[in-house]
Amino acid sequence: MLGVCLAVLGGVGAWLLSARDTTRPCNGLPGDERVRKSLGAAVRPGMSCSAFGDVLVEATAGREPGIHTRAQAQALKDVLVALDPEGTGTLRVDPALRRPLATALVDYAPDLHAMLGGHGGDHITHAAPGIPPWESDGTAHLAVLTRTLERELRAIAQDPRAYALLRSAETRSAAGRLAAVPADATGYALTVPATEGARALGVLDGVAELVTRSQQDDESRTWRTAVVDGLLDEPAMPGGSRNGQAADLVSAWLRDLRATPEDRRPERLGTQAVDMTRTWTRTRKTDQAVQEDLLDRVRKSQDSGRREATSS
């Protein structure tokens, strides 16, 4: 009799937990007044989440990648703020919304890179929910609080292909920043682009660690394999050869990843920043001592980003 009672209580407890953890369809975003105002008349309460995702991507994308109006950047910020207004508890994102959110964020790859890489300045002063986007270099920029971004990335990354989209975008951003360093750069001008990219990749390492931490071994292997497959399916750089050295860096990294034995590919992501920086410094024929010092800084920066993401 006691066993039956315990089983019943256990079942009730599990039901209560599952009920408490249930995510509203599309996280309630189609019914959010501010989101509806930002995204336009195409958003209707009760619409399917896949349809909402299509509207989200269309309403926030620029006329070309990385070029946005203030209204487009504000629309994405409003969605991100509405998605996690409390910033507490376990955030779950409707599965149908994960890839559209990743796609929208990828269109703001330079801003994503700045936020993940710990870049200061405007991305900090404009991060609070009530502060609107700003314009510089011919585009409007997106910024949200670090806590908000990292929580949402973890929720989006439950879909390994969505995570791969984000990681591919950061790989291209990091490569672009390295390629833009002048040939005669020294000191901070040499180290900051490399360590910022490393920190951003480290944060994404931490996101992956948190996603797989609660999974069974088979689930974790399946998720990590899907991530690597997604990375290898992505183009090296939009525009190909027009991006010169940046495209070469991404191509070299993907080539090395593909050449790695399949069972070791996921762990290879943990050395991505070092691997890319090493290729870059060799191309530049950097002095050996300077190269070793830079690689050490990059290694520490990637690990620091990972630790920050897993402890937040």
Foldseek 3Di string as FASTA:
>chain_A
DVVVVVVVVVVVVVVVVCVVPDADQQNCQLVDPVLDVLLDPQRHPPDHNLSVLVSLQVQQADPDQQAADLSSQLNLLVVLCSQCVPLDDQRAGNLSNLQSNLNSVLSQLVQLLCLQLVNDDPLVVQADSVRTWDDDPNHTHHHHDSSSVLSSLLNSCLQLLSLLSNLLSLLLVLLLQLVPQDLPDDDCSNQSSLLSSLLSLLLSVLSLCVSCVPPDPVVNLVSLLSSLVSNLPDQLDVVQCVSPRSSVLSVVLSVVLVVDPSVCSSVVSLCSSLVSLLVSCVVSVPDPVRNVVSSVSSNVSSNVSNVVSNVD
